[in-house]
Amino acid sequence: MLLEKKERLDAHSSPLADVMARAGDIILGKEHQIQLAMACILAKGHLLIEDVPGVGKTTLSHVLASLLGLHYQRIQFTSDLLPADIVGVSIFDRESSTFRFHPGPVFSQVILADEINRASPKAQSALLEAMEEHQVTADGETMPLPTPFFVIATQNPSHQIGTFPLPESQLDRFLMRIKLGYPNQAAERALLKGEDRRELIAKITPAMTVAQLLALQNAATGIFVSDALIDYVQALIHHTRDSAHFEMGLSPRAGLALLRASQAWAMMAGRQQVLPEDVQAVAPSVVGHRLRAITSGETKILDAAQELLRNVAIP
């Protein structure tokens, strides 16, 4: 049985390795962030990328969608964006004397919500049902979204002009939040001397099919999680609830997100069992945007996640 599982995992690993390698050829010097983004997708979660403009947030989302062979739509969030611009709108048809619903860009497999925190809270909330239920409701009718369905949102730092902070309820819908940061000197030099990233994206061909992606997602959910590993995850969660350093503790949904991301990370490493190292690798990105440290600001949230890992011993 173990041999059969290993053979299935090996069969899936080749297109996945291709995706990672080809993404790294375009997004230079960000291998770890690419791995986290891919783990988020394999865990069937939504991804939030936060950083200053111009470091490749939009490029990363476009590259991943193209390599995975998924239908991709970009929504530019602005202060005047309306929910109907995301979900769609019903227009009166004179010939049939009825209203016909015209689907919005949310009816795609990958949605890039670009600069999501530049839109009003009302427009931001239009994505809540889609992200949680994989469906939207318009004019009293509920319509399913395509499978698979991912939201990759980018946001600028909250201190920049013209931003509306995402509420905790919406932040919680993102399985991971990552930061790209500036490239190192060697990667930036290669970027300056190399071909334009837009031209490289235009040449991308899919590295896997939708069926292969769905198979990888199913394989990730089958990665074994021991009782001892669950003890470790519970210890992390309960520490946030008991500690005086956080405004509120992690929810059960955060614990499930941490487990799913750890399973995906273990699978990407070629393992059939989740190890504490997998949990520690993904934890800052999974719990960082869910923790609110009492004595520190937004810039300290990832530090708080690292402090959590240091304070909770592995059983």
C-alpha atoms as a PDB file:
ATOM      1  CA  MET A   1       0.000   0.000   0.000  1.00  0.00           C
ATOM      2  CA  LEU A   2       2.811   2.431   0.891  1.00  0.00           C
ATOM      3  CA  LEU A   3       4.555   1.614  -2.364  1.00  0.00           C
ATOM      4  CA  GLU A   4       1.379   2.353  -4.328  1.00  0.00           C
ATOM      5  CA  LYS A   5       1.037   5.731  -2.571  1.00  0.00           C
ATOM      6  CA  LYS A   6       4.681   6.547  -3.304  1.00  0.00           C
ATOM      7  CA  GLU A   7       4.193   5.680  -6.977  1.00  0.00           C
ATOM      8  CA  ARG A   8       1.142   7.943  -7.177  1.00  0.00           C
ATOM      9  CA  LEU A   9       3.081  10.776  -5.511  1.00  0.00           C
ATOM     10  CA  ASP A  10       6.013  10.373  -7.887  1.00  0.00           C
ATOM     11  CA  ALA A  11       3.634  10.381 -10.845  1.00  0.00           C
ATOM     12  CA  HIS A  12       2.324  13.788  -9.732  1.00  0.00           C
ATOM     13  CA  SER A  13       5.683  15.319  -8.850  1.00  0.00           C
ATOM     14  CA  SER A  14       6.999  15.890 -12.399  1.00  0.00           C
ATOM     15  CA  PRO A  15       4.496  18.557 -13.565  1.00  0.00           C
ATOM     16  CA  LEU A  16       4.667  20.167 -10.134  1.00  0.00           C
ATOM     17  CA  ALA A  17       8.464  20.399 -10.338  1.00  0.00           C
ATOM     18  CA  ASP A  18       8.084  21.886 -13.819  1.00  0.00           C
ATOM     19  CA  VAL A  19       5.726  24.567 -12.518  1.00  0.00           C
ATOM     20  CA  MET A  20       8.130  25.493  -9.723  1.00  0.00           C
ATOM     21  CA  ALA A  21      11.180  25.622 -11.989  1.00  0.00           C
ATOM     22  CA  ARG A  22       9.513  27.670 -14.729  1.00  0.00           C
ATOM     23  CA  ALA A  23       7.979  30.091 -12.239  1.00  0.00           C
ATOM     24  CA  GLY A  24      11.435  30.576 -10.710  1.00  0.00           C
ATOM     25  CA  ASP A  25      12.827  31.477 -14.148  1.00  0.00           C
ATOM     26  CA  ILE A  26      10.471  34.469 -14.295  1.00  0.00           C
ATOM     27  CA  ILE A  27      10.113  35.462 -10.626  1.00  0.00           C
ATOM     28  CA  LEU A  28      13.805  35.632  -9.834  1.00  0.00           C
ATOM     29  CA  GLY A  29      15.209  34.995  -6.378  1.00  0.00           C
ATOM     30  CA  LYS A  30      11.853  34.182  -4.781  1.00  0.00           C
ATOM     31  CA  GLU A  31      11.903  30.377  -4.655  1.00  0.00           C
ATOM     32  CA  HIS A  32      10.551  30.200  -1.091  1.00  0.00           C
ATOM     33  CA  GLN A  33       7.640  32.532  -1.844  1.00  0.00           C
ATOM     34  CA  ILE A  34       6.808  30.530  -4.973  1.00  0.00           C
ATOM     35  CA  GLN A  35       6.782  27.336  -2.900  1.00  0.00           C
ATOM     36  CA  LEU A  36       4.444  28.922  -0.370  1.00  0.00           C
ATOM     37  CA  ALA A  37       2.105  30.158  -3.096  1.00  0.00           C
ATOM     38  CA  MET A  38       2.013  26.727  -4.701  1.00  0.00           C
ATOM     39  CA  ALA A  39       1.392  25.054  -1.342  1.00  0.00           C
ATOM     40  CA  CYS A  40      -1.517  27.429  -0.807  1.00  0.00           C
ATOM     41  CA  ILE A  41      -3.052  26.413  -4.139  1.00  0.00           C
ATOM     42  CA  LEU A  42      -2.516  22.700  -3.461  1.00  0.00           C
ATOM     43  CA  ALA A  43      -4.254  23.176  -0.104  1.00  0.00           C
ATOM     44  CA  LYS A  44      -7.247  24.706  -1.948  1.00  0.00           C
ATOM     45  CA  GLY A  45      -6.744  28.036  -0.243  1.00  0.00           C
ATOM     46  CA  HIS A  46      -6.732  31.677  -1.272  1.00  0.00           C
ATOM     47  CA  LEU A  47      -3.537  33.721  -1.268  1.00  0.00           C
ATOM     48  CA  LEU A  48      -2.892  37.290  -0.145  1.00  0.00           C
ATOM     49  CA  ILE A  49       0.332  38.936  -1.327  1.00  0.00           C
ATOM     50  CA  GLU A  50       1.229  42.122   0.528  1.00  0.00           C
ATOM     51  CA  ASP A  51       4.106  44.372  -0.385  1.00  0.00           C
ATOM     52  CA  VAL A  52       5.085  47.696  -1.895  1.00  0.00           C
ATOM     53  CA  PRO A  53       4.230  48.316  -5.570  1.00  0.00           C
ATOM     54  CA  GLY A  54       6.613  47.009  -8.193  1.00  0.00           C
ATOM     55  CA  VAL A  55       8.095  43.893  -6.603  1.00  0.00           C
ATOM     56  CA  GLY A  56       6.206  41.338  -8.738  1.00  0.00           C
ATOM     57  CA  LYS A  57       2.941  40.610  -6.913  1.00  0.00           C
ATOM     58  CA  THR A  58       0.799  40.741 -10.057  1.00  0.00           C
ATOM     59  CA  THR A  59       3.447  38.954 -12.102  1.00  0.00           C
ATOM     60  CA  LEU A  60       3.546  36.015  -9.681  1.00  0.00           C
ATOM     61  CA  SER A  61      -0.218  35.510  -9.811  1.00  0.00           C
ATOM     62  CA  HIS A  62      -0.279  35.714 -13.613  1.00  0.00           C
ATOM     63  CA  VAL A  63       2.630  33.266 -13.929  1.00  0.00           C
ATOM     64  CA  LEU A  64       1.003  30.679 -11.642  1.00  0.00           C
ATOM     65  CA  ALA A  65      -2.352  30.892 -13.424  1.00  0.00           C
ATOM     66  CA  SER A  66      -0.691  30.485 -16.828  1.00  0.00           C
ATOM     67  CA  LEU A  67       1.508  27.568 -15.768  1.00  0.00           C
ATOM     68  CA  LEU A  68      -1.454  25.764 -14.185  1.00  0.00           C
ATOM     69  CA  GLY A  69      -3.546  26.197 -17.329  1.00  0.00           C
ATOM     70  CA  LEU A  70      -6.356  28.005 -15.513  1.00  0.00           C
ATOM     71  CA  HIS A  71      -8.727  30.679 -16.814  1.00  0.00           C
ATOM     72  CA  TYR A  72      -7.532  33.963 -15.358  1.00  0.00           C
ATOM     73  CA  GLN A  73      -9.241  37.292 -14.734  1.00  0.00           C
ATOM     74  CA  ARG A  74      -7.775  40.426 -13.210  1.00  0.00           C
ATOM     75  CA  ILE A  75      -9.917  42.861 -11.246  1.00  0.00           C
ATOM     76  CA  GLN A  76      -8.326  46.214 -10.529  1.00  0.00           C
ATOM     77  CA  PHE A  77      -9.726  47.359  -7.194  1.00  0.00           C
ATOM     78  CA  THR A  78     -10.312  51.110  -6.994  1.00  0.00           C
ATOM     79  CA  SER A  79     -12.256  53.380  -4.665  1.00  0.00           C
ATOM     80  CA  ASP A  80     -15.230  53.529  -7.064  1.00  0.00           C
ATOM     81  CA  LEU A  81     -15.457  49.768  -7.696  1.00  0.00           C
ATOM     82  CA  LEU A  82     -18.954  48.333  -7.120  1.00  0.00           C
ATOM     83  CA  PRO A  83     -19.948  44.781  -6.110  1.00  0.00           C
ATOM     84  CA  ALA A  84     -21.698  44.397  -9.479  1.00  0.00           C
ATOM     85  CA  ASP A  85     -18.356  45.004 -11.196  1.00  0.00           C
ATOM     86  CA  ILE A  86     -17.136  41.802  -9.531  1.00  0.00           C
ATOM     87  CA  VAL A  87     -20.172  39.521  -9.402  1.00  0.00           C
ATOM     88  CA  GLY A  88     -22.067  40.665 -12.495  1.00  0.00           C
ATOM     89  CA  VAL A  89     -25.243  42.537 -13.283  1.00  0.00           C
ATOM     90  CA  SER A  90     -28.749  41.805 -14.577  1.00  0.00           C
ATOM     91  CA  ILE A  91     -29.699  43.743 -17.710  1.00  0.00           C
ATOM     92  CA  PHE A  92     -33.197  44.001 -19.136  1.00  0.00           C
ATOM     93  CA  ASP A  93     -33.631  42.157 -22.446  1.00  0.00           C
ATOM     94  CA  ARG A  94     -36.301  43.858 -24.549  1.00  0.00           C
ATOM     95  CA  GLU A  95     -36.847  40.875 -26.828  1.00  0.00           C
ATOM     96  CA  SER A  96     -37.700  38.472 -24.007  1.00  0.00           C
ATOM     97  CA  SER A  97     -38.986  41.175 -21.631  1.00  0.00           C
ATOM     98  CA  THR A  98     -36.890  39.639 -18.853  1.00  0.00           C
ATOM     99  CA  PHE A  99     -33.721  40.465 -16.983  1.00  0.00           C
ATOM    100  CA  ARG A 100     -30.657  38.470 -18.071  1.00  0.00           C
ATOM    101  CA  PHE A 101     -27.713  38.025 -15.764  1.00  0.00           C
ATOM    102  CA  HIS A 102     -24.332  38.896 -17.238  1.00  0.00           C
ATOM    103  CA  PRO A 103     -21.610  37.151 -15.202  1.00  0.00           C
ATOM    104  CA  GLY A 104     -18.777  39.270 -13.851  1.00  0.00           C
ATOM    105  CA  PRO A 105     -15.076  38.419 -13.743  1.00  0.00           C
ATOM    106  CA  VAL A 106     -15.524  36.391 -10.541  1.00  0.00           C
ATOM    107  CA  PHE A 107     -16.697  33.493 -12.729  1.00  0.00           C
ATOM    108  CA  SER A 108     -13.132  32.424 -13.499  1.00  0.00           C
ATOM    109  CA  GLN A 109     -10.831  29.769 -12.097  1.00  0.00           C
ATOM    110  CA  VAL A 110      -8.242  32.278 -10.885  1.00  0.00           C
ATOM    111  CA  ILE A 111      -9.146  35.785  -9.789  1.00  0.00           C
ATOM    112  CA  LEU A 112      -6.436  38.364  -9.304  1.00  0.00           C
ATOM    113  CA  ALA A 113      -7.893  40.954  -6.940  1.00  0.00           C
ATOM    114  CA  ASP A 114      -5.247  43.578  -7.594  1.00  0.00           C
ATOM    115  CA  GLU A 115      -4.710  46.154  -4.826  1.00  0.00           C
ATOM    116  CA  ILE A 116      -7.738  44.804  -2.963  1.00  0.00           C
ATOM    117  CA  ASN A 117      -7.347  47.280  -0.113  1.00  0.00           C
ATOM    118  CA  ARG A 118      -7.820  50.277  -2.427  1.00  0.00           C
ATOM    119  CA  ALA A 119     -11.533  49.458  -2.808  1.00  0.00           C
ATOM    120  CA  SER A 120     -14.247  50.295  -0.318  1.00  0.00           C
ATOM    121  CA  PRO A 121     -15.321  47.696   2.258  1.00  0.00           C
ATOM    122  CA  LYS A 122     -18.576  47.203   0.333  1.00  0.00           C
ATOM    123  CA  ALA A 123     -16.700  46.159  -2.805  1.00  0.00           C
ATOM    124  CA  GLN A 124     -14.287  44.011  -0.799  1.00  0.00           C
ATOM    125  CA  SER A 125     -17.182  42.121   0.783  1.00  0.00           C
ATOM    126  CA  ALA A 126     -18.440  41.033  -2.659  1.00  0.00           C
ATOM    127  CA  LEU A 127     -15.702  38.386  -2.617  1.00  0.00           C
ATOM    128  CA  LEU A 128     -16.603  36.914   0.788  1.00  0.00           C
ATOM    129  CA  GLU A 129     -19.244  34.429  -0.372  1.00  0.00           C
ATOM    130  CA  ALA A 130     -17.187  33.462  -3.412  1.00  0.00           C
ATOM    131  CA  MET A 131     -14.090  32.730  -1.320  1.00  0.00           C
ATOM    132  CA  GLU A 132     -15.884  30.781   1.383  1.00  0.00           C
ATOM    133  CA  GLU A 133     -18.659  28.940  -0.483  1.00  0.00           C
ATOM    134  CA  HIS A 134     -17.308  28.901  -4.065  1.00  0.00           C
ATOM    135  CA  GLN A 135     -20.604  30.388  -5.191  1.00  0.00           C
ATOM    136  CA  VAL A 136     -22.232  33.801  -5.624  1.00  0.00           C
ATOM    137  CA  THR A 137     -25.781  34.980  -5.101  1.00  0.00           C
ATOM    138  CA  ALA A 138     -27.291  37.602  -7.387  1.00  0.00           C
ATOM    139  CA  ASP A 139     -30.955  38.583  -7.683  1.00  0.00           C
ATOM    140  CA  GLY A 140     -31.870  35.819  -5.275  1.00  0.00           C
ATOM    141  CA  GLU A 141     -30.246  33.103  -7.394  1.00  0.00           C
ATOM    142  CA  THR A 142     -27.211  31.138  -6.244  1.00  0.00           C
ATOM    143  CA  MET A 143     -24.690  30.231  -8.936  1.00  0.00           C
ATOM    144  CA  PRO A 144     -21.662  27.946  -8.526  1.00  0.00           C
ATOM    145  CA  LEU A 145     -18.196  29.091  -9.498  1.00  0.00           C
ATOM    146  CA  PRO A 146     -15.766  27.098 -11.673  1.00  0.00           C
ATOM    147  CA  THR A 147     -13.603  24.321 -10.257  1.00  0.00           C
ATOM    148  CA  PRO A 148     -10.902  24.882  -9.183  1.00  0.00           C
ATOM    149  CA  PHE A 149     -11.429  28.413  -7.892  1.00  0.00           C
ATOM    150  CA  PHE A 150      -8.710  30.567  -6.338  1.00  0.00           C
ATOM    151  CA  VAL A 151      -8.470  34.195  -5.320  1.00  0.00           C
ATOM    152  CA  ILE A 152      -4.982  35.674  -5.392  1.00  0.00           C
ATOM    153  CA  ALA A 153      -5.215  39.158  -3.925  1.00  0.00           C
ATOM    154  CA  THR A 154      -2.498  41.777  -3.729  1.00  0.00           C
ATOM    155  CA  GLN A 155      -2.497  44.680  -1.321  1.00  0.00           C
ATOM    156  CA  ASN A 156      -0.273  47.614  -0.600  1.00  0.00           C
ATOM    157  CA  PRO A 157       0.988  48.259   2.941  1.00  0.00           C
ATOM    158  CA  SER A 158      -1.758  49.759   5.094  1.00  0.00           C
ATOM    159  CA  HIS A 159       0.213  52.952   5.780  1.00  0.00           C
ATOM    160  CA  GLN A 160       0.108  53.974   2.099  1.00  0.00           C
ATOM    161  CA  ILE A 161      -2.347  56.623   0.940  1.00  0.00           C
ATOM    162  CA  GLY A 162      -5.772  55.499  -0.294  1.00  0.00           C
ATOM    163  CA  THR A 163      -6.005  52.100   1.389  1.00  0.00           C
ATOM    164  CA  PHE A 164      -8.891  50.536   3.321  1.00  0.00           C
ATOM    165  CA  PRO A 165      -7.719  47.844   5.769  1.00  0.00           C
ATOM    166  CA  LEU A 166      -9.277  44.427   5.195  1.00  0.00           C
ATOM    167  CA  PRO A 167     -11.542  43.376   8.077  1.00  0.00           C
ATOM    168  CA  GLU A 168     -10.570  40.323  10.108  1.00  0.00           C
ATOM    169  CA  SER A 169     -13.464  38.316   8.632  1.00  0.00           C
ATOM    170  CA  GLN A 170     -12.057  38.739   5.140  1.00  0.00           C
ATOM    171  CA  LEU A 171      -8.424  38.270   6.125  1.00  0.00           C
ATOM    172  CA  ASP A 172      -9.446  34.938   7.646  1.00  0.00           C
ATOM    173  CA  ARG A 173     -10.652  33.746   4.231  1.00  0.00           C
ATOM    174  CA  PHE A 174      -7.085  33.830   2.952  1.00  0.00           C
ATOM    175  CA  LEU A 175      -5.253  30.646   3.829  1.00  0.00           C
ATOM    176  CA  MET A 176      -1.879  32.385   3.481  1.00  0.00           C
ATOM    177  CA  ARG A 177      -0.400  35.831   3.382  1.00  0.00           C
ATOM    178  CA  ILE A 178       3.088  36.243   1.963  1.00  0.00           C
ATOM    179  CA  LYS A 179       5.473  39.101   1.288  1.00  0.00           C
ATOM    180  CA  LEU A 180       7.801  39.119  -1.723  1.00  0.00           C
ATOM    181  CA  GLY A 181      10.282  41.769  -0.644  1.00  0.00           C
ATOM    182  CA  TYR A 182      12.991  43.277  -2.772  1.00  0.00           C
ATOM    183  CA  PRO A 183      15.145  40.884  -4.827  1.00  0.00           C
ATOM    184  CA  ASN A 184      18.725  40.228  -3.826  1.00  0.00           C
ATOM    185  CA  GLN A 185      21.469  41.924  -5.797  1.00  0.00           C
ATOM    186  CA  ALA A 186      22.170  38.992  -8.116  1.00  0.00           C
ATOM    187  CA  ALA A 187      18.468  38.422  -8.924  1.00  0.00           C
ATOM    188  CA  GLU A 188      17.901  42.130  -9.508  1.00  0.00           C
ATOM    189  CA  ARG A 189      20.883  42.324 -11.852  1.00  0.00           C
ATOM    190  CA  ALA A 190      19.567  39.369 -13.854  1.00  0.00           C
ATOM    191  CA  LEU A 191      16.161  41.069 -13.931  1.00  0.00           C
ATOM    192  CA  LEU A 192      17.638  44.334 -15.216  1.00  0.00           C
ATOM    193  CA  LYS A 193      19.678  42.585 -17.933  1.00  0.00           C
ATOM    194  CA  GLY A 194      17.026  40.035 -18.897  1.00  0.00           C
ATOM    195  CA  GLU A 195      13.945  39.981 -21.082  1.00  0.00           C
ATOM    196  CA  ASP A 196      10.842  41.933 -20.095  1.00  0.00           C
ATOM    197  CA  ARG A 197       8.666  39.904 -17.712  1.00  0.00           C
ATOM    198  CA  ARG A 198       5.497  40.640 -19.719  1.00  0.00           C
ATOM    199  CA  GLU A 199       7.071  39.170 -22.824  1.00  0.00           C
ATOM    200  CA  LEU A 200       8.099  36.071 -20.878  1.00  0.00           C
ATOM    201  CA  ILE A 201       4.570  35.641 -19.501  1.00  0.00           C
ATOM    202  CA  ALA A 202       3.159  35.876 -23.034  1.00  0.00           C
ATOM    203  CA  LYS A 203       5.292  32.880 -24.019  1.00  0.00           C
ATOM    204  CA  ILE A 204       4.165  30.656 -21.132  1.00  0.00           C
ATOM    205  CA  THR A 205       2.509  27.360 -21.950  1.00  0.00           C
ATOM    206  CA  PRO A 206       0.699  25.335 -19.262  1.00  0.00           C
ATOM    207  CA  ALA A 207       2.900  22.911 -17.320  1.00  0.00           C
ATOM    208  CA  MET A 208      -0.012  20.802 -16.093  1.00  0.00           C
ATOM    209  CA  THR A 209      -3.667  20.181 -16.830  1.00  0.00           C
ATOM    210  CA  VAL A 210      -6.626  20.962 -14.610  1.00  0.00           C
ATOM    211  CA  ALA A 211      -7.063  17.230 -14.020  1.00  0.00           C
ATOM    212  CA  GLN A 212      -3.462  16.955 -12.806  1.00  0.00           C
ATOM    213  CA  LEU A 213      -3.947  19.915 -10.460  1.00  0.00           C
ATOM    214  CA  LEU A 214      -7.104  18.390  -8.983  1.00  0.00           C
ATOM    215  CA  ALA A 215      -5.252  15.087  -8.525  1.00  0.00           C
ATOM    216  CA  LEU A 216      -2.451  16.895  -6.690  1.00  0.00           C
ATOM    217  CA  GLN A 217      -4.951  18.603  -4.411  1.00  0.00           C
ATOM    218  CA  ASN A 218      -6.569  15.268  -3.590  1.00  0.00           C
ATOM    219  CA  ALA A 219      -3.145  13.744  -2.950  1.00  0.00           C
ATOM    220  CA  ALA A 220      -2.311  16.554  -0.537  1.00  0.00           C
ATOM    221  CA  THR A 221      -5.399  15.878   1.567  1.00  0.00           C
ATOM    222  CA  GLY A 222      -4.287  12.233   1.837  1.00  0.00           C
ATOM    223  CA  ILE A 223      -0.900  13.013   3.405  1.00  0.00           C
ATOM    224  CA  PHE A 224      -0.821  11.304   6.812  1.00  0.00           C
ATOM    225  CA  VAL A 225      -1.118  13.433   9.963  1.00  0.00           C
ATOM    226  CA  SER A 226      -0.210  11.682  13.213  1.00  0.00           C
ATOM    227  CA  ASP A 227      -1.869  12.294  16.575  1.00  0.00           C
ATOM    228  CA  ALA A 228       1.415  13.733  17.860  1.00  0.00           C
ATOM    229  CA  LEU A 229       1.422  16.262  15.031  1.00  0.00           C
ATOM    230  CA  ILE A 230      -2.152  17.257  15.849  1.00  0.00           C
ATOM    231  CA  ASP A 231      -1.030  17.682  19.467  1.00  0.00           C
ATOM    232  CA  TYR A 232       1.611  20.137  18.248  1.00  0.00           C
ATOM    233  CA  VAL A 233      -0.904  22.121  16.174  1.00  0.00           C
ATOM    234  CA  GLN A 234      -3.292  22.262  19.114  1.00  0.00           C
ATOM    235  CA  ALA A 235      -0.492  23.428  21.381  1.00  0.00           C
ATOM    236  CA  LEU A 236       0.241  26.290  18.984  1.00  0.00           C
ATOM    237  CA  ILE A 237      -3.423  27.276  18.811  1.00  0.00           C
ATOM    238  CA  HIS A 238      -4.002  27.143  22.551  1.00  0.00           C
ATOM    239  CA  HIS A 239      -0.855  29.143  23.249  1.00  0.00           C
ATOM    240  CA  THR A 240      -2.303  32.063  21.248  1.00  0.00           C
ATOM    241  CA  ARG A 241      -5.531  31.835  23.253  1.00  0.00           C
ATOM    242  CA  ASP A 242      -3.817  31.722  26.628  1.00  0.00           C
ATOM    243  CA  SER A 243      -1.049  34.215  25.940  1.00  0.00           C
ATOM    244  CA  ALA A 244      -1.371  37.821  27.037  1.00  0.00           C
ATOM    245  CA  HIS A 245       0.542  38.951  23.944  1.00  0.00           C
ATOM    246  CA  PHE A 246      -2.348  38.545  21.481  1.00  0.00           C
ATOM    247  CA  GLU A 247      -5.688  40.320  21.259  1.00  0.00           C
ATOM    248  CA  MET A 248      -7.419  37.059  20.389  1.00  0.00           C
ATOM    249  CA  GLY A 249      -6.396  33.462  19.824  1.00  0.00           C
ATOM    250  CA  LEU A 250      -6.423  31.435  16.639  1.00  0.00           C
ATOM    251  CA  SER A 251      -9.774  29.954  15.600  1.00  0.00           C
ATOM    252  CA  PRO A 252     -10.470  26.308  14.687  1.00  0.00           C
ATOM    253  CA  ARG A 253     -10.524  27.426  11.041  1.00  0.00           C
ATOM    254  CA  ALA A 254      -6.953  28.678  11.464  1.00  0.00           C
ATOM    255  CA  GLY A 255      -5.968  25.262  12.828  1.00  0.00           C
ATOM    256  CA  LEU A 256      -7.509  23.519   9.824  1.00  0.00           C
ATOM    257  CA  ALA A 257      -5.727  25.930   7.486  1.00  0.00           C
ATOM    258  CA  LEU A 258      -2.415  25.191   9.201  1.00  0.00           C
ATOM    259  CA  LEU A 259      -2.934  21.446   8.793  1.00  0.00           C
ATOM    260  CA  ARG A 260      -3.930  21.700   5.123  1.00  0.00           C
ATOM    261  CA  ALA A 261      -0.966  23.903   4.302  1.00  0.00           C
ATOM    262  CA  SER A 262       1.390  21.559   6.176  1.00  0.00           C
ATOM    263  CA  GLN A 263       0.059  18.565   4.224  1.00  0.00           C
ATOM    264  CA  ALA A 264       0.669  20.386   0.941  1.00  0.00           C
ATOM    265  CA  TRP A 265       4.184  21.388   2.042  1.00  0.00           C
ATOM    266  CA  ALA A 266       5.000  17.791   3.005  1.00  0.00           C
ATOM    267  CA  MET A 267       3.733  16.506  -0.329  1.00  0.00           C
ATOM    268  CA  MET A 268       5.841  19.034  -2.213  1.00  0.00           C
ATOM    269  CA  ALA A 269       8.853  17.716  -0.296  1.00  0.00           C
ATOM    270  CA  GLY A 270       8.001  14.178  -1.421  1.00  0.00           C
ATOM    271  CA  ARG A 271       6.918  12.936   1.999  1.00  0.00           C
ATOM    272  CA  GLN A 272       3.836  10.922   2.886  1.00  0.00           C
ATOM    273  CA  GLN A 273       3.631  12.205   6.465  1.00  0.00           C
ATOM    274  CA  VAL A 274       3.532  15.690   7.933  1.00  0.00           C
ATOM    275  CA  LEU A 275       6.473  16.583  10.181  1.00  0.00           C
ATOM    276  CA  PRO A 276       6.731  19.440  12.693  1.00  0.00           C
ATOM    277  CA  GLU A 277       9.173  21.081  10.278  1.00  0.00           C
ATOM    278  CA  ASP A 278       6.354  21.335   7.718  1.00  0.00           C
ATOM    279  CA  VAL A 279       4.145  23.107  10.238  1.00  0.00           C
ATOM    280  CA  GLN A 280       6.959  25.511  11.123  1.00  0.00           C
ATOM    281  CA  ALA A 281       7.651  26.246   7.454  1.00  0.00           C
ATOM    282  CA  VAL A 282       4.118  27.383   6.664  1.00  0.00           C
ATOM    283  CA  ALA A 283       3.005  28.723  10.060  1.00  0.00           C
ATOM    284  CA  PRO A 284       4.213  32.341   9.660  1.00  0.00           C
ATOM    285  CA  SER A 285       2.295  32.690   6.388  1.00  0.00           C
ATOM    286  CA  VAL A 286      -0.817  30.916   7.691  1.00  0.00           C
ATOM    287  CA  VAL A 287      -1.188  32.483  11.136  1.00  0.00           C
ATOM    288  CA  GLY A 288       0.634  35.794  10.678  1.00  0.00           C
ATOM    289  CA  HIS A 289      -2.377  37.688   9.317  1.00  0.00           C
ATOM    290  CA  ARG A 290      -4.677  36.090  11.894  1.00  0.00           C
ATOM    291  CA  LEU A 291      -2.684  37.190  14.937  1.00  0.00           C
ATOM    292  CA  ARG A 292      -2.925  40.624  16.456  1.00  0.00           C
ATOM    293  CA  ALA A 293      -0.156  41.340  18.923  1.00  0.00           C
ATOM    294  CA  ILE A 294      -1.216  43.697  21.718  1.00  0.00           C
ATOM    295  CA  THR A 295       2.102  45.511  22.045  1.00  0.00           C
ATOM    296  CA  SER A 296       3.108  45.693  18.384  1.00  0.00           C
ATOM    297  CA  GLY A 297       1.799  47.037  15.130  1.00  0.00           C
ATOM    298  CA  GLU A 298       1.139  45.534  11.752  1.00  0.00           C
ATOM    299  CA  THR A 299       4.839  45.310  10.919  1.00  0.00           C
ATOM    300  CA  LYS A 300       5.384  42.960  13.857  1.00  0.00           C
ATOM    301  CA  ILE A 301       2.767  40.331  13.013  1.00  0.00           C
ATOM    302  CA  LEU A 302       5.154  37.938  11.281  1.00  0.00           C
ATOM    303  CA  ASP A 303       7.582  38.407  14.171  1.00  0.00           C
ATOM    304  CA  ALA A 304       4.759  37.410  16.506  1.00  0.00           C
ATOM    305  CA  ALA A 305       4.258  34.210  14.496  1.00  0.00           C
ATOM    306  CA  GLN A 306       7.942  33.397  14.806  1.00  0.00           C
ATOM    307  CA  GLU A 307       7.762  34.083  18.541  1.00  0.00           C
ATOM    308  CA  LEU A 308       4.866  31.630  18.754  1.00  0.00           C
ATOM    309  CA  LEU A 309       6.977  28.880  17.195  1.00  0.00           C
ATOM    310  CA  ARG A 310       9.830  29.598  19.585  1.00  0.00           C
ATOM    311  CA  ASN A 311       7.599  29.487  22.666  1.00  0.00           C
ATOM    312  CA  VAL A 312       5.770  26.228  21.882  1.00  0.00           C
ATOM    313  CA  ALA A 313       7.883  23.099  22.152  1.00  0.00           C
ATOM    314  CA  ILE A 314       7.434  20.152  19.793  1.00  0.00           C
ATOM    315  CA  PRO A 315       5.772  17.300  21.752  1.00  0.00           C
END
